[in-house]
Structures are given as C-alpha cells and as structure tokens.
Amino acid sequence: MVSTISPQQLAELLTSDKPIRLIDVRTPAEFGEVHVTNAHNLPLDRLDPATVTAEASDDEPIYFICKSGGRSGKACEKLIAAGFTNVISVAGGTTACETAGLPVVRGRKAMSLERQVRIAAGALVFGGVLLAAFADNADNDMLEKIGLGIAGFVGAGLVFAGVTDTCGMAMLIARMPWNQVSGPATSCSRALLLTAVLAATAGPALAASPTRDSLPAVQRAVAEQKAVIIDVREPDEWAESHLAGARLVPLSRLEAGVSPAELARVLPKDRIIYCHCLAGGRCLMAADILKPLGYDVRPLGQSYDELVAAGFPAVTGR
C-alpha cells in the first residue's frame, strides 16, 4: 500500500524550514503549464529508481506528485519494488493542490495526458469504424476486418487499462515530442497532436522526415560553410542553452508567417539548412513550412541533448 499525504500536509512541509524532495512525474508539457512550487520534473517513463535513490537517505522520504494521484502512485510502486520504501504520493495531485491554495508556478496552457489519450482512442475507434463501413459498402472483407479489428483492439485496451490501472497508450503518448516540451514551446503541442490524430484516422503524416545525413557529415558541411544550423525552439529555450553558431528561427514565428524577404536575411538559399529543436518534433513542422519556399532544409532527428553529446559545442546562458 502506497503512503499518501494530503495537499494541506504538503503545504505544511513546504513552509517548514526543512527542505523536501518533491518530484512531479507528469510530462514536461504538463509540468510547464502548472506545477507546485519547489517541485522538480522527472516524467514517469524516465523514472529510474537507482538514480532517484542514489543520494537519498532512508530517513528522508521522497514525495511524488502528478495531476490527480495515479502516476505518482505508480512512481512510488516503482521505488518500492526496487527496495526503497520511504516514498509518499500526494493525494489528489497538482489539481487538488491548486484547489487547496498551494503556491504554483504557471506557464502556457498544455493538453493533459488524459485528454490526449481520450482524443487518440476516440480517433482510432472512429477511424476503424469508418474503414469498416467503407469496406462494407465496397464489398471488401479484408478492410472491414481491419477496421473492426482496430476498433476492437482499442476497446479491449481501454478495458484492460481500467481493470489494471495501466494504460499503454498513455505511456506511448507521453513519449511523443510535443509532450517533451515545456514553456512557450507547448503552443505547438495541439498542432502536433492534431497531426498525429489525422494520421491515425485517414491522413498522411508530416511530409518532412529526419535527414539521413550523419552527424559528422553535418559538422563537416557547417565547417566548410556549405550548411547552416537553425534552432526552431523558442527564445527562452535558446537563451538557456543553444548550439554554437546556430541561428534562431522559432517555429512559432514561422507559423505566424514570415515574408520571404525577411527569411532571406537569415537563411541562405545556397546552403543546406539543418534544423533542430528539443526532441525532434518541431523541426519537422518547420521543414514543412520552409521546403515550399525553396530551401534545402533537412531536419535533424536527434534531440538537443543528443547533438551536444555528439560533440556539437553549446553556449549556455542563464
């Protein structure tokens, strides 16, 4: 049985002189929208008990929080299974803490993981039913079986999730690029989710795909001035840390509309344009905007951290 504390008890702990370790296990996008003051973000799908408990002592509990208490309870179970039992879940999660008046940090609105699961599950079921109906009208038994199979599979998955309180779809969606972004960049999350839903029901995925150019080839092209690197994250992300020599062209600015003349002052058409973002999602959208304008734009599939680890020098700000 996982131990819990109420938001009121958490408030008392936060106002005491003794610091506590409070970990928010929601996605970065959810955390960026609103989180309890002093909470640190470590998504449930990345939670490594060995790392979390490396510096913890048995007499100092680790507190976990999520949106409503489900994921924080699972985080506690992970650590208990690994042999560390001094863990506590905040009952009711961030939602209950907001209601109780605890101080929170707010960012831009993000779509909750639970809502994304409902949208994705509904889209898959709807798409499966449409496929089955179309196949029935066209006398195609195979397509009808596929459509009904999709709808049935999702329905069975939802029943399984309800019985076991474990949702595979939620764990998958939590890893999507739009859920790895916090702060202003979450403005793109709904567009990315909509794209994913359209792909699941009837439409194609993003036209752009990550480049097959190797990272050493990218570095050589930049060094030989045959290519430039652009960062399509937001200014606050750029200010915190960015690749040396990269140029900032925020996706939000591209989506708002930039004149060709203004783009030409930043992006040379006689060079390859390698674009990157935090996790690899936004640069695909940027490529879809820039390619029709005549740019040889090649999205990098690696995350920002992977690029730095591969030897791309970084400039650190605040």
Protein backbone atom coordinates (compact mmCIF):
# COMPACT_ATOMS: atom_id res chain seq x y z
CA MET A 1 0.00 0.00 0.00
CA VAL A 2 1.41 3.36 -1.06
CA SER A 3 1.56 6.04 1.64
CA THR A 4 -0.09 9.37 0.84
CA ILE A 5 -0.31 12.86 2.23
CA SER A 6 -2.96 15.50 1.69
CA PRO A 7 -2.29 18.83 -0.05
CA GLN A 8 -2.67 20.52 3.33
CA GLN A 9 0.06 18.33 4.82
CA LEU A 10 2.25 19.07 1.81
CA ALA A 11 1.69 22.80 2.35
CA GLU A 12 2.91 22.47 5.92
CA LEU A 13 6.02 20.64 4.76
CA LEU A 14 6.77 23.27 2.10
CA THR A 15 6.54 26.09 4.63
CA SER A 16 8.79 24.37 7.16
CA ASP A 17 12.50 25.08 7.41
CA LYS A 18 13.40 21.56 6.34
CA PRO A 19 13.60 21.15 2.52
CA ILE A 20 11.76 18.22 0.95
CA ARG A 21 12.28 16.35 -2.28
CA LEU A 22 9.13 16.71 -4.39
CA ILE A 23 9.15 15.06 -7.83
CA ASP A 24 6.46 15.74 -10.43
CA VAL A 25 6.16 12.70 -12.71
CA ARG A 26 3.93 14.25 -15.39
CA THR A 27 5.16 15.06 -18.89
CA PRO A 28 7.30 18.20 -19.35
CA ALA A 29 4.43 19.87 -21.21
CA GLU A 30 2.02 19.31 -18.30
CA PHE A 31 4.66 20.40 -15.81
CA GLY A 32 5.33 23.56 -17.83
CA GLU A 33 1.65 24.51 -17.72
CA VAL A 34 1.38 24.47 -13.92
CA HIS A 35 3.28 22.84 -11.07
CA VAL A 36 3.59 23.15 -7.33
CA THR A 37 6.39 25.48 -6.25
CA ASN A 38 9.61 23.58 -5.41
CA ALA A 39 8.57 20.54 -7.47
CA HIS A 40 11.09 19.08 -9.93
CA ASN A 41 10.06 17.35 -13.14
CA LEU A 42 11.02 13.72 -13.82
CA PRO A 43 8.47 12.03 -16.14
CA LEU A 44 7.26 8.62 -15.07
CA ASP A 45 8.51 6.94 -18.25
CA ARG A 46 12.06 8.15 -17.46
CA LEU A 47 11.98 7.33 -13.76
CA ASP A 48 15.00 5.23 -12.81
CA PRO A 49 14.76 4.08 -9.17
CA ALA A 50 18.53 3.64 -8.89
CA THR A 51 19.20 7.22 -9.98
CA VAL A 52 16.43 8.74 -7.87
CA THR A 53 17.53 6.97 -4.69
CA ALA A 54 21.29 7.34 -5.23
CA GLU A 55 21.54 10.36 -2.95
CA ALA A 56 18.51 9.63 -0.76
CA SER A 57 18.75 8.52 2.85
CA ASP A 58 16.32 6.13 4.50
CA ASP A 59 15.08 8.75 6.97
CA GLU A 60 14.24 11.32 4.27
CA PRO A 61 11.16 10.43 2.22
CA ILE A 62 10.76 11.21 -1.45
CA TYR A 63 7.42 12.79 -2.37
CA PHE A 64 5.81 12.22 -5.76
CA ILE A 65 3.07 14.26 -7.39
CA CYS A 66 1.24 14.16 -10.73
CA LYS A 67 -2.08 15.55 -11.94
CA SER A 68 -4.51 13.61 -9.76
CA GLY A 69 -2.51 10.92 -7.95
CA GLY A 70 -2.44 7.97 -10.35
CA ARG A 71 1.01 8.37 -11.85
CA SER A 72 2.59 9.44 -8.56
CA GLY A 73 1.26 6.23 -7.00
CA LYS A 74 2.89 4.21 -9.79
CA ALA A 75 6.16 6.08 -9.22
CA CYS A 76 6.04 5.07 -5.57
CA GLU A 77 5.37 1.46 -6.55
CA LYS A 78 8.43 1.53 -8.82
CA LEU A 79 10.69 2.59 -5.98
CA ILE A 80 9.10 0.18 -3.51
CA ALA A 81 9.70 -2.67 -5.96
CA ALA A 82 13.35 -1.57 -6.15
CA GLY A 83 13.67 -1.77 -2.35
CA PHE A 84 13.23 1.89 -1.38
CA THR A 85 10.07 2.11 0.71
CA ASN A 86 10.28 5.65 2.08
CA VAL A 87 8.14 7.16 -0.66
CA ILE A 88 4.92 9.16 -0.41
CA SER A 89 2.33 10.16 -3.01
CA VAL A 90 0.45 13.46 -2.84
CA ALA A 91 -3.25 12.57 -2.81
CA GLY A 92 -5.24 14.39 -5.49
CA GLY A 93 -2.07 15.62 -7.18
CA THR A 94 -1.49 19.08 -8.59
CA THR A 95 -5.22 19.62 -9.20
CA ALA A 96 -6.01 19.15 -5.50
CA CYS A 97 -3.04 21.32 -4.50
CA GLU A 98 -4.33 24.16 -6.70
CA THR A 99 -7.77 23.85 -5.12
CA ALA A 100 -6.21 23.88 -1.65
CA GLY A 101 -4.43 27.14 -2.45
CA LEU A 102 -0.83 25.90 -2.53
CA PRO A 103 1.57 28.22 -4.40
CA VAL A 104 2.06 27.10 -8.01
CA VAL A 105 4.13 28.18 -10.99
CA ARG A 106 2.12 28.74 -14.16
CA GLY A 107 3.19 28.65 -17.79
CA ARG A 108 1.29 28.28 -21.02
CA LYS A 109 -1.77 26.06 -21.34
CA ALA A 110 -0.98 22.46 -22.28
CA MET A 111 -3.19 19.50 -23.11
CA SER A 112 -3.30 16.93 -20.30
CA LEU A 113 -2.12 13.39 -20.98
CA GLU A 114 -5.54 12.00 -20.03
CA ARG A 115 -7.23 14.24 -22.60
CA GLN A 116 -4.73 13.23 -25.27
CA VAL A 117 -5.49 9.56 -24.57
CA ARG A 118 -9.22 10.19 -24.98
CA ILE A 119 -8.64 12.00 -28.29
CA ALA A 120 -6.29 9.34 -29.64
CA ALA A 121 -8.51 6.42 -28.56
CA GLY A 122 -11.61 8.08 -29.95
CA ALA A 123 -9.87 8.87 -33.24
CA LEU A 124 -8.67 5.28 -33.64
CA VAL A 125 -12.10 3.80 -32.90
CA PHE A 126 -13.81 6.31 -35.19
CA GLY A 127 -11.27 5.64 -37.94
CA GLY A 128 -11.70 1.89 -37.56
CA VAL A 129 -15.49 2.12 -37.78
CA LEU A 130 -15.26 4.38 -40.85
CA LEU A 131 -12.88 1.94 -42.50
CA ALA A 132 -15.21 -0.97 -41.77
CA ALA A 133 -18.23 0.97 -43.10
CA PHE A 134 -16.37 1.95 -46.26
CA ALA A 135 -15.17 -1.61 -46.79
CA ASP A 136 -18.70 -2.95 -46.29
CA ASN A 137 -20.02 -0.62 -48.99
CA ALA A 138 -17.14 -1.60 -51.27
CA ASP A 139 -17.57 -5.34 -50.59
CA ASN A 140 -14.01 -5.64 -49.24
CA ASP A 141 -13.99 -8.16 -46.39
CA MET A 142 -10.31 -7.65 -45.54
CA LEU A 143 -10.62 -3.90 -44.99
CA GLU A 144 -13.78 -4.46 -42.97
CA LYS A 145 -11.96 -6.91 -40.71
CA ILE A 146 -9.03 -4.48 -40.29
CA GLY A 147 -11.38 -1.63 -39.37
CA LEU A 148 -13.31 -3.69 -36.86
CA GLY A 149 -10.04 -5.09 -35.53
CA ILE A 150 -8.70 -1.58 -34.84
CA ALA A 151 -11.89 -0.56 -33.02
CA GLY A 152 -11.99 -3.83 -31.08
CA PHE A 153 -8.31 -3.65 -30.13
CA VAL A 154 -8.64 -0.11 -28.77
CA GLY A 155 -11.81 -1.05 -26.88
CA ALA A 156 -10.10 -4.07 -25.32
CA GLY A 157 -7.12 -1.87 -24.44
CA LEU A 158 -9.36 0.59 -22.62
CA VAL A 159 -10.98 -2.24 -20.65
CA PHE A 160 -7.52 -3.58 -19.75
CA ALA A 161 -6.42 -0.08 -18.68
CA GLY A 162 -9.48 0.25 -16.47
CA VAL A 163 -9.00 -3.14 -14.83
CA THR A 164 -5.24 -2.91 -14.28
CA ASP A 165 -4.93 0.90 -13.95
CA THR A 166 -2.13 0.67 -16.53
CA CYS A 167 -2.55 2.43 -19.87
CA GLY A 168 -0.11 1.53 -22.61
CA MET A 169 -1.47 4.26 -24.86
CA ALA A 170 -0.77 6.88 -22.20
CA MET A 171 2.80 5.65 -21.81
CA LEU A 172 3.29 5.81 -25.58
CA ILE A 173 1.76 9.28 -25.94
CA ALA A 174 3.85 10.56 -23.02
CA ARG A 175 6.95 9.89 -25.12
CA MET A 176 5.74 11.91 -28.10
CA PRO A 177 7.78 15.03 -29.00
CA TRP A 178 5.04 17.50 -28.10
CA ASN A 179 4.96 16.13 -24.54
CA GLN A 180 8.72 16.60 -24.10
CA VAL A 181 8.45 20.37 -24.42
CA SER A 182 7.70 22.81 -21.62
CA GLY A 183 7.16 26.54 -21.53
CA PRO A 184 6.25 28.62 -24.59
CA ALA A 185 7.03 25.78 -26.96
CA THR A 186 3.91 23.94 -25.82
CA SER A 187 1.94 26.22 -28.11
CA CYS A 188 2.77 23.69 -30.83
CA SER A 189 1.54 20.67 -28.87
CA ARG A 190 -2.03 20.80 -30.10
CA ALA A 191 -0.92 21.15 -33.72
CA LEU A 192 1.34 18.14 -33.34
CA LEU A 193 -1.39 16.10 -31.66
CA LEU A 194 -3.87 17.05 -34.37
CA THR A 195 -1.37 15.90 -36.99
CA ALA A 196 -1.00 12.57 -35.19
CA VAL A 197 -4.77 12.11 -34.98
CA LEU A 198 -5.24 12.87 -38.67
CA ALA A 199 -2.53 10.36 -39.50
CA ALA A 200 -4.25 7.72 -37.37
CA THR A 201 -7.64 8.25 -38.99
CA ALA A 202 -7.06 8.98 -42.64
CA GLY A 203 -4.37 11.50 -43.44
CA PRO A 204 -0.64 11.20 -44.13
CA ALA A 205 1.98 12.04 -41.54
CA LEU A 206 4.18 15.07 -41.79
CA ALA A 207 5.70 15.35 -45.25
CA ALA A 208 9.14 16.03 -43.80
CA SER A 209 11.26 13.30 -42.27
CA PRO A 210 14.59 13.37 -40.42
CA THR A 211 17.64 13.62 -42.64
CA ARG A 212 19.81 10.59 -43.24
CA ASP A 213 22.94 12.75 -43.20
CA SER A 214 25.26 11.56 -40.46
CA LEU A 215 26.21 13.97 -37.69
CA PRO A 216 29.89 14.02 -38.79
CA ALA A 217 28.68 14.96 -42.29
CA VAL A 218 26.56 17.73 -40.82
CA GLN A 219 29.52 19.07 -38.85
CA ARG A 220 31.76 18.99 -41.95
CA ALA A 221 29.19 20.80 -44.07
CA VAL A 222 28.83 23.52 -41.45
CA ALA A 223 32.61 23.84 -41.06
CA GLU A 224 33.02 24.14 -44.85
CA GLN A 225 30.24 26.78 -44.92
CA LYS A 226 28.09 24.57 -47.11
CA ALA A 227 25.36 24.44 -44.48
CA VAL A 228 23.92 26.33 -41.53
CA ILE A 229 22.10 25.08 -38.45
CA ILE A 230 18.87 26.71 -37.31
CA ASP A 231 17.21 26.25 -33.93
CA VAL A 232 13.40 26.34 -34.14
CA ARG A 233 12.80 26.36 -30.38
CA GLU A 234 11.53 29.42 -28.56
CA PRO A 235 13.69 32.38 -27.41
CA ASP A 236 13.65 31.40 -23.73
CA GLU A 237 14.89 27.88 -24.60
CA TRP A 238 17.57 29.43 -26.83
CA ALA A 239 18.67 31.81 -24.06
CA GLU A 240 19.13 28.92 -21.65
CA SER A 241 21.36 26.94 -23.99
CA HIS A 242 21.93 26.64 -27.75
CA LEU A 243 24.39 25.22 -30.26
CA ALA A 244 27.31 27.49 -31.03
CA GLY A 245 26.94 29.07 -34.46
CA ALA A 246 23.27 28.13 -34.81
CA ARG A 247 20.67 30.68 -35.86
CA LEU A 248 17.37 31.14 -34.02
CA VAL A 249 14.25 30.82 -36.18
CA PRO A 250 11.37 29.94 -33.79
CA LEU A 251 8.66 27.67 -35.15
CA SER A 252 6.03 29.96 -33.66
CA ARG A 253 7.43 32.79 -35.80
CA LEU A 254 7.31 30.63 -38.93
CA GLU A 255 3.74 29.58 -38.15
CA ALA A 256 2.72 33.21 -37.68
CA GLY A 257 4.05 33.99 -41.16
CA VAL A 258 7.40 35.43 -42.21
CA SER A 259 7.91 37.22 -45.52
CA PRO A 260 10.38 35.61 -47.97
CA ALA A 261 12.49 38.79 -47.85
CA GLU A 262 12.77 38.60 -44.08
CA LEU A 263 13.66 34.89 -44.19
CA ALA A 264 16.30 35.55 -46.84
CA ARG A 265 18.15 37.82 -44.40
CA VAL A 266 18.53 34.88 -42.01
CA LEU A 267 18.54 31.78 -44.21
CA PRO A 268 20.76 31.48 -47.31
CA LYS A 269 19.22 29.53 -50.17
CA ASP A 270 22.62 28.49 -51.48
CA ARG A 271 23.35 26.40 -48.38
CA ILE A 272 21.83 23.36 -46.73
CA ILE A 273 19.58 24.27 -43.80
CA TYR A 274 19.85 21.77 -40.95
CA CYS A 275 17.15 22.43 -38.36
CA HIS A 276 16.77 21.04 -34.87
CA CYS A 277 14.59 21.50 -31.80
CA LEU A 278 14.39 19.91 -28.34
CA ALA A 279 13.13 16.42 -29.18
CA GLY A 280 12.74 16.27 -32.96
CA GLY A 281 9.08 17.16 -33.49
CA ARG A 282 9.07 20.90 -34.11
CA CYS A 283 11.88 20.77 -36.66
CA LEU A 284 9.72 18.51 -38.88
CA MET A 285 6.97 21.13 -38.83
CA ALA A 286 9.49 23.88 -39.59
CA ALA A 287 10.78 21.86 -42.55
CA ASP A 288 7.24 21.56 -43.92
CA ILE A 289 6.98 25.35 -43.85
CA LEU A 290 10.41 26.09 -45.35
CA LYS A 291 10.59 23.47 -48.11
CA PRO A 292 7.85 25.04 -50.27
CA LEU A 293 9.82 28.31 -50.10
CA GLY A 294 12.73 26.71 -51.94
CA TYR A 295 15.06 25.89 -49.04
CA ASP A 296 17.09 22.68 -48.90
CA VAL A 297 16.02 22.06 -45.31
CA ARG A 298 16.99 18.83 -43.57
CA PRO A 299 15.56 18.17 -40.07
CA LEU A 300 17.87 16.55 -37.56
CA GLY A 301 16.20 13.62 -35.86
CA GLN A 302 18.42 13.79 -32.78
CA SER A 303 17.32 15.64 -29.65
CA TYR A 304 19.19 18.72 -28.49
CA ASP A 305 20.93 16.74 -25.73
CA GLU A 306 22.00 14.09 -28.25
CA LEU A 307 23.53 16.74 -30.51
CA VAL A 308 25.52 18.17 -27.60
CA ALA A 309 26.62 14.68 -26.55
CA ALA A 310 27.75 14.03 -30.15
CA GLY A 311 30.20 16.92 -30.00
CA PHE A 312 28.25 19.96 -31.16
CA PRO A 313 29.52 22.79 -28.93
CA ALA A 314 26.86 24.54 -26.86
CA VAL A 315 26.57 28.05 -25.48
CA THR A 316 24.99 28.15 -22.03
CA GLY A 317 23.04 31.17 -20.82
CA ARG A 318 21.12 31.56 -17.60
